């Protein structure tokens, strides 16, 4: 694997390209960015501006141009929730959301797995945290669906349960995904019994497990073409955005 990757690196031929983007002010809302898609009737992809001179010439035209909104397209789409946590996805999310290193995440998870004194006795709050599996036990799925229906409403509850399978080769799926041992045990219910790191990680795991059984997000994606005119020269820039409906 290392040799194959090294050969790929050696065969790679660097290619110079310049990205041309603009920042636009919008009195009706937040500012937005747009990227060049067409210049003088020719389509422009990411690699088409090959030299600094060409990029500066295009920039000069755009800076002196008048812009107007051309075509606007809005399309509805959906986004499915992520699968429950495996060891690696838990470490990645804890790093990006909480700033935890991998070892810190596993140490905190180990304590949650081994058990915490909740006043009525010591209970393990999460399932085993070393796993490649993304599936949840049927009883956990049923419990998650009950919590979603009760706490968030039927709008967020899909008609049927969601089932996940690992795409990784040679995945060790003997254990199910990392999830709370009881989905009805809300983070706020156990917060006073946990230290700060435990509270944050349990909250992350609970939210991901519940979200994995929720309905898909409904999103509207909008693409707007901005037509630039500078004398006889024309160009088109495209802005993309999305709104969760």
Protein backbone atom coordinates (compact mmCIF):
# COMPACT_ATOMS: atom_id res chain seq x y z
CA UNK A 1 0.00 0.00 0.00
CA UNK A 2 2.80 2.42 0.90
CA UNK A 3 4.67 1.64 -2.34
CA UNK A 4 1.54 2.09 -4.46
CA UNK A 5 0.85 5.44 -2.85
CA UNK A 6 4.46 6.54 -3.31
CA UNK A 7 4.28 5.59 -7.01
CA UNK A 8 1.13 7.67 -7.40
CA UNK A 9 2.91 10.66 -5.85
CA UNK A 10 5.91 10.24 -8.17
CA UNK A 11 3.69 9.99 -11.27
CA UNK A 12 1.68 13.08 -10.35
CA UNK A 13 2.31 16.05 -12.64
CA UNK A 14 1.71 19.39 -10.87
CA UNK A 15 -0.56 21.72 -12.80
CA UNK A 16 -0.79 25.47 -12.21
CA UNK A 17 -4.28 26.90 -11.95
CA UNK A 18 -5.89 30.04 -10.57
CA UNK A 19 -9.24 30.23 -8.85
CA UNK A 20 -11.37 33.27 -9.64
CA UNK A 21 -14.04 34.08 -7.09
CA UNK A 22 -15.86 37.23 -6.02
CA UNK A 23 -17.34 38.48 -2.77
CA UNK A 24 -20.69 40.16 -3.29
CA UNK A 25 -22.59 42.43 -0.94
CA UNK A 26 -26.32 41.86 -0.66
CA UNK A 27 -28.56 44.55 0.84
CA UNK A 28 -31.35 41.98 1.34
CA UNK A 29 -29.25 39.50 3.31
CA UNK A 30 -25.75 38.25 4.14
CA UNK A 31 -22.81 38.66 1.76
CA UNK A 32 -22.02 35.69 -0.47
CA UNK A 33 -19.30 34.28 -2.75
CA UNK A 34 -19.55 33.39 -6.43
CA UNK A 35 -17.11 31.57 -8.73
CA UNK A 36 -16.37 32.15 -12.41
CA UNK A 37 -18.14 29.63 -14.66
CA UNK A 38 -17.96 31.32 -18.08
CA UNK A 39 -15.79 33.98 -19.74
CA UNK A 40 -16.25 35.37 -23.25
CA UNK A 41 -18.65 32.56 -24.12
CA UNK A 42 -16.30 29.79 -22.95
CA UNK A 43 -17.06 27.54 -19.98
CA UNK A 44 -14.45 27.84 -17.23
CA UNK A 45 -13.74 24.94 -14.91
CA UNK A 46 -11.47 24.95 -11.86
CA UNK A 47 -8.30 24.27 -13.89
CA UNK A 48 -8.97 26.53 -16.88
CA UNK A 49 -7.16 29.69 -15.69
CA UNK A 50 -3.64 28.32 -16.09
CA UNK A 51 -1.46 31.42 -15.65
CA UNK A 52 -1.31 34.45 -13.42
CA UNK A 53 -1.53 36.75 -16.47
CA UNK A 54 -4.77 35.14 -17.63
CA UNK A 55 -6.25 35.29 -14.13
CA UNK A 56 -5.35 38.97 -13.71
CA UNK A 57 -6.86 39.82 -17.12
CA UNK A 58 -10.14 38.14 -16.13
CA UNK A 59 -10.08 39.84 -12.73
CA UNK A 60 -9.55 43.25 -14.38
CA UNK A 61 -12.62 42.68 -16.57
CA UNK A 62 -14.75 41.59 -13.61
CA UNK A 63 -13.67 44.47 -11.36
CA UNK A 64 -14.88 47.01 -13.94
CA UNK A 65 -18.03 45.12 -14.91
CA UNK A 66 -21.71 45.73 -14.20
CA UNK A 67 -23.42 42.71 -12.65
CA UNK A 68 -27.01 41.61 -12.84
CA UNK A 69 -28.73 38.46 -11.71
CA UNK A 70 -29.40 36.11 -14.61
CA UNK A 71 -30.85 32.66 -14.05
CA UNK A 72 -31.89 31.49 -10.58
CA UNK A 73 -32.64 27.82 -9.91
CA UNK A 74 -34.05 26.46 -6.65
CA UNK A 75 -34.31 22.70 -6.15
CA UNK A 76 -35.57 20.78 -3.14
CA UNK A 77 -33.34 18.00 -1.85
CA UNK A 78 -32.92 15.88 1.26
CA UNK A 79 -29.98 14.93 3.47
CA UNK A 80 -30.01 11.70 5.43
CA UNK A 81 -28.64 11.53 8.98
CA UNK A 82 -25.24 10.02 9.70
CA UNK A 83 -24.90 6.52 11.11
CA UNK A 84 -24.27 6.07 14.85
CA UNK A 85 -20.67 6.34 16.01
CA UNK A 86 -17.91 3.82 15.48
CA UNK A 87 -14.62 4.23 17.36
CA UNK A 88 -13.05 6.25 14.54
CA UNK A 89 -16.04 8.50 13.80
CA UNK A 90 -16.43 9.18 17.53
CA UNK A 91 -12.79 10.26 17.72
CA UNK A 92 -13.15 12.46 14.63
CA UNK A 93 -16.31 14.18 15.87
CA UNK A 94 -14.94 14.65 19.39
CA UNK A 95 -11.85 16.24 17.86
CA UNK A 96 -13.75 18.66 15.62
CA UNK A 97 -16.61 19.50 18.02
CA UNK A 98 -14.94 19.25 21.43
CA UNK A 99 -11.22 19.60 20.69
CA UNK A 100 -10.49 16.21 22.27
CA UNK A 101 -7.47 14.17 21.18
CA UNK A 102 -8.02 10.49 20.35
CA UNK A 103 -6.58 9.21 23.63
CA UNK A 104 -8.59 11.71 25.69
CA UNK A 105 -11.79 10.65 23.89
CA UNK A 106 -11.12 6.96 24.59
CA UNK A 107 -10.25 7.58 28.25
CA UNK A 108 -13.51 9.49 28.80
CA UNK A 109 -15.50 6.89 26.83
CA UNK A 110 -13.92 4.12 28.93
CA UNK A 111 -15.23 5.76 32.11
CA UNK A 112 -18.71 6.14 30.63
CA UNK A 113 -18.62 2.48 29.58
CA UNK A 114 -17.35 1.16 32.91
CA UNK A 115 -20.03 3.02 34.79
CA UNK A 116 -20.90 6.16 36.70
CA UNK A 117 -22.60 6.46 40.08
CA UNK A 118 -26.05 7.92 39.36
CA UNK A 119 -27.12 7.99 43.00
CA UNK A 120 -29.11 4.75 42.71
CA UNK A 121 -26.00 2.74 41.86
CA UNK A 122 -23.25 2.54 39.28
CA UNK A 123 -24.43 2.14 35.68
CA UNK A 124 -22.63 1.95 32.36
CA UNK A 125 -23.87 4.84 30.24
CA UNK A 126 -22.60 3.78 26.81
CA UNK A 127 -22.00 0.53 24.93
CA UNK A 128 -18.50 -0.79 24.21
CA UNK A 129 -16.50 1.98 22.56
CA UNK A 130 -14.07 -0.11 20.46
CA UNK A 131 -16.10 -1.10 17.42
CA UNK A 132 -16.40 -0.78 13.66
CA UNK A 133 -20.12 -1.57 13.76
CA UNK A 134 -22.74 1.04 12.86
CA UNK A 135 -25.79 -1.07 13.67
CA UNK A 136 -27.89 -0.62 16.81
CA UNK A 137 -29.78 -3.34 18.64
CA UNK A 138 -33.52 -3.55 17.74
CA UNK A 139 -34.54 -2.59 21.28
CA UNK A 140 -32.29 0.51 21.10
CA UNK A 141 -33.86 1.52 17.77
CA UNK A 142 -37.35 1.12 19.24
CA UNK A 143 -36.36 3.21 22.26
CA UNK A 144 -34.83 5.93 20.05
CA UNK A 145 -38.03 6.14 17.98
CA UNK A 146 -40.12 6.52 21.15
CA UNK A 147 -37.87 9.35 22.37
CA UNK A 148 -38.03 11.11 18.98
CA UNK A 149 -41.82 10.86 18.84
CA UNK A 150 -42.25 12.10 22.41
CA UNK A 151 -39.61 14.85 22.46
CA UNK A 152 -39.53 16.13 18.87
CA UNK A 153 -42.86 15.09 17.32
CA UNK A 154 -44.02 12.89 14.46
CA UNK A 155 -42.58 15.30 11.86
CA UNK A 156 -39.08 14.13 12.84
CA UNK A 157 -39.95 10.42 12.99
CA UNK A 158 -39.61 8.45 9.71
CA UNK A 159 -42.27 5.87 8.89
CA UNK A 160 -39.81 3.01 9.24
CA UNK A 161 -36.67 2.54 11.30
CA UNK A 162 -33.28 3.20 9.72
CA UNK A 163 -30.73 0.41 9.42
CA UNK A 164 -27.03 0.97 8.72
CA UNK A 165 -24.23 -1.29 7.53
CA UNK A 166 -20.49 -0.67 7.45
CA UNK A 167 -18.87 0.10 4.08
CA UNK A 168 -15.37 -0.54 5.42
CA UNK A 169 -13.60 -3.70 4.30
CA UNK A 170 -12.79 -6.20 7.07
CA UNK A 171 -14.86 -4.19 9.55
CA UNK A 172 -14.95 -5.72 13.03
CA UNK A 173 -18.71 -5.62 13.60
CA UNK A 174 -18.93 -8.00 16.56
CA UNK A 175 -20.05 -5.05 18.69
CA UNK A 176 -22.83 -2.63 17.83
CA UNK A 177 -22.25 1.09 17.36
CA UNK A 178 -21.23 3.35 20.24
CA UNK A 179 -24.54 4.51 21.75
CA UNK A 180 -26.09 5.23 25.15
CA UNK A 181 -27.16 2.07 26.98
CA UNK A 182 -30.54 3.76 27.39
CA UNK A 183 -31.69 6.30 24.79
CA UNK A 184 -34.35 7.55 27.22
CA UNK A 185 -31.56 8.69 29.57
CA UNK A 186 -31.23 12.28 28.35
CA UNK A 187 -27.95 14.19 28.79
CA UNK A 188 -29.67 16.62 31.16
CA UNK A 189 -30.76 13.70 33.36
CA UNK A 190 -27.19 12.56 34.05
CA UNK A 191 -25.28 15.86 33.73
CA UNK A 192 -24.99 16.42 37.50
CA UNK A 193 -23.32 13.02 37.96
CA UNK A 194 -20.65 13.58 35.28
CA UNK A 195 -17.52 15.68 35.06
CA UNK A 196 -17.22 18.23 32.26
CA UNK A 197 -15.51 15.91 29.73
CA UNK A 198 -17.93 13.06 30.42
CA UNK A 199 -20.93 15.36 30.08
CA UNK A 200 -19.74 16.69 26.72
CA UNK A 201 -18.95 13.27 25.27
CA UNK A 202 -22.18 11.67 26.49
CA UNK A 203 -24.15 14.56 24.97
CA UNK A 204 -22.34 14.03 21.64
CA UNK A 205 -23.04 10.27 21.62
CA UNK A 206 -26.68 10.67 22.64
CA UNK A 207 -27.39 13.28 19.97
CA UNK A 208 -25.73 11.24 17.22
CA UNK A 209 -27.64 8.09 18.20
CA UNK A 210 -30.99 9.88 18.27
CA UNK A 211 -30.27 11.77 15.04
CA UNK A 212 -29.43 8.51 13.24
CA UNK A 213 -33.09 7.45 13.55
CA UNK A 214 -34.60 10.80 12.60
CA UNK A 215 -36.28 11.87 9.35
CA UNK A 216 -34.14 13.27 6.53
CA UNK A 217 -33.49 17.01 6.51
CA UNK A 218 -35.45 18.92 3.86
CA UNK A 219 -33.17 21.39 2.09
CA UNK A 220 -33.65 23.90 -0.69
CA UNK A 221 -30.53 24.39 -2.83
CA UNK A 222 -30.34 27.58 -4.86
CA UNK A 223 -27.95 28.44 -7.68
CA UNK A 224 -27.83 32.00 -9.06
CA UNK A 225 -25.95 33.07 -12.18
CA UNK A 226 -24.50 36.59 -12.02
CA UNK A 227 -23.94 38.03 -15.49
CA UNK A 228 -21.06 40.52 -15.79
CA UNK A 229 -20.78 43.01 -18.67
CA UNK A 230 -17.76 45.22 -19.31
CA UNK A 231 -18.02 46.83 -22.74
CA UNK A 232 -18.02 43.97 -25.24
CA UNK A 233 -16.70 41.47 -22.69
CA UNK A 234 -19.04 39.19 -20.76
CA UNK A 235 -18.64 36.69 -17.97
CA UNK A 236 -20.83 34.59 -15.70
CA UNK A 237 -20.26 33.82 -12.04
CA UNK A 238 -22.30 31.32 -10.06
CA UNK A 239 -23.31 31.50 -6.41
CA UNK A 240 -24.60 28.42 -4.60
CA UNK A 241 -26.44 28.26 -1.30
CA UNK A 242 -28.76 26.06 0.67
CA UNK A 243 -31.42 26.59 3.32
CA UNK A 244 -32.77 23.96 5.71
CA UNK A 245 -36.54 24.09 5.34
